[in-house]
Amino acid sequence: MDREEAMAEFKKYEEMRQEMYSFLEEFIPRREDGTLDFERAREINAKEVFDRWFKLDYQARRIRGIAINCLGLKGE
């Protein structure tokens, strides 16, 4: 994998991560200090949360593999 392809994977992860936060913030408002206010949270569909999290986790594992290969390390 060349540098451009690797950077595209990193960018994809960052976009997915931001989408996950945006999705959660639709249901969990933030307080004035920026922390999440779980006391005012609305119900959220657990399957949708899991599906989004699984995709984000998969992308993170892809990036881990890229980093390990680029650094010449052995995966654990």
Protein backbone atom coordinates (compact mmCIF):
# COMPACT_ATOMS: atom_id res chain seq x y z
CA MET A 1 0.00 0.00 0.00
CA ASP A 2 1.43 3.37 -0.94
CA ARG A 3 1.31 6.55 1.13
CA GLU A 4 -1.67 8.02 -0.76
CA GLU A 5 -3.78 4.89 -0.21
CA ALA A 6 -2.82 4.78 3.47
CA MET A 7 -3.73 8.44 3.94
CA ALA A 8 -7.12 7.80 2.28
CA GLU A 9 -7.78 5.04 4.85
CA PHE A 10 -6.82 7.37 7.72
CA LYS A 11 -9.09 10.08 6.31
CA LYS A 12 -11.95 7.59 5.97
CA TYR A 13 -11.51 6.64 9.64
CA GLU A 14 -11.58 10.28 10.77
CA GLU A 15 -14.75 10.91 8.74
CA MET A 16 -16.44 7.81 10.19
CA ARG A 17 -15.40 8.84 13.70
CA GLN A 18 -16.89 12.31 13.24
CA GLU A 19 -20.09 10.78 11.82
CA MET A 20 -20.35 8.57 14.91
CA TYR A 21 -20.06 11.56 17.24
CA SER A 22 -22.62 13.51 15.19
CA PHE A 23 -25.00 10.55 15.30
CA LEU A 24 -24.66 10.20 19.08
CA GLU A 25 -25.13 13.92 19.60
CA GLU A 26 -28.51 13.68 17.86
CA PHE A 27 -29.63 11.70 20.93
CA ILE A 28 -27.30 12.94 23.67
CA PRO A 29 -27.11 16.73 23.99
CA ARG A 30 -24.03 18.53 25.21
CA ARG A 31 -23.86 20.74 28.27
CA GLU A 32 -22.44 24.25 28.06
CA ASP A 33 -19.05 22.90 29.15
CA GLY A 34 -19.02 20.50 26.18
CA THR A 35 -19.58 17.27 28.11
CA LEU A 36 -22.38 14.91 27.16
CA ASP A 37 -25.57 15.28 29.19
CA PHE A 38 -26.80 11.71 29.61
CA GLU A 39 -29.59 12.83 31.92
CA ARG A 40 -31.30 14.53 28.96
CA ALA A 41 -30.49 11.77 26.45
CA ARG A 42 -33.23 10.33 24.25
CA GLU A 43 -33.61 6.63 23.55
CA ILE A 44 -31.35 5.35 20.83
CA ASN A 45 -31.65 2.26 18.63
CA ALA A 46 -29.05 -0.20 19.96
CA LYS A 47 -28.76 -2.05 16.64
CA GLU A 48 -28.00 1.16 14.77
CA VAL A 49 -25.38 2.14 17.37
CA PHE A 50 -23.76 -1.29 17.11
CA ASP A 51 -23.78 -1.27 13.30
CA ARG A 52 -22.11 2.14 13.21
CA TRP A 53 -19.63 1.19 15.92
CA PHE A 54 -18.74 -2.07 14.17
CA LYS A 55 -17.94 -0.22 10.92
CA LEU A 56 -15.82 2.29 12.81
CA ASP A 57 -14.01 -0.50 14.67
CA TYR A 58 -13.40 -2.38 11.41
CA GLN A 59 -11.81 0.73 9.90
CA ALA A 60 -9.66 1.20 13.01
CA ARG A 61 -8.45 -2.40 12.70
CA ARG A 62 -7.59 -1.76 9.02
CA ILE A 63 -5.54 1.26 10.04
CA ARG A 64 -3.81 -0.78 12.74
CA GLY A 65 -2.74 -3.27 10.09
CA ILE A 66 -1.48 -0.49 7.83
CA ALA A 67 0.53 1.05 10.67
CA ILE A 68 2.03 -2.30 11.66
CA ASN A 69 3.04 -3.01 8.06
CA CYS A 70 4.45 0.48 7.49
CA LEU A 71 6.52 0.29 10.67
CA GLY A 72 7.67 -3.26 9.97
CA LEU A 73 6.25 -4.57 13.25
CA LYS A 74 4.76 -7.96 13.98
CA GLY A 75 1.07 -7.95 14.94
CA GLU A 76 0.12 -9.30 18.33
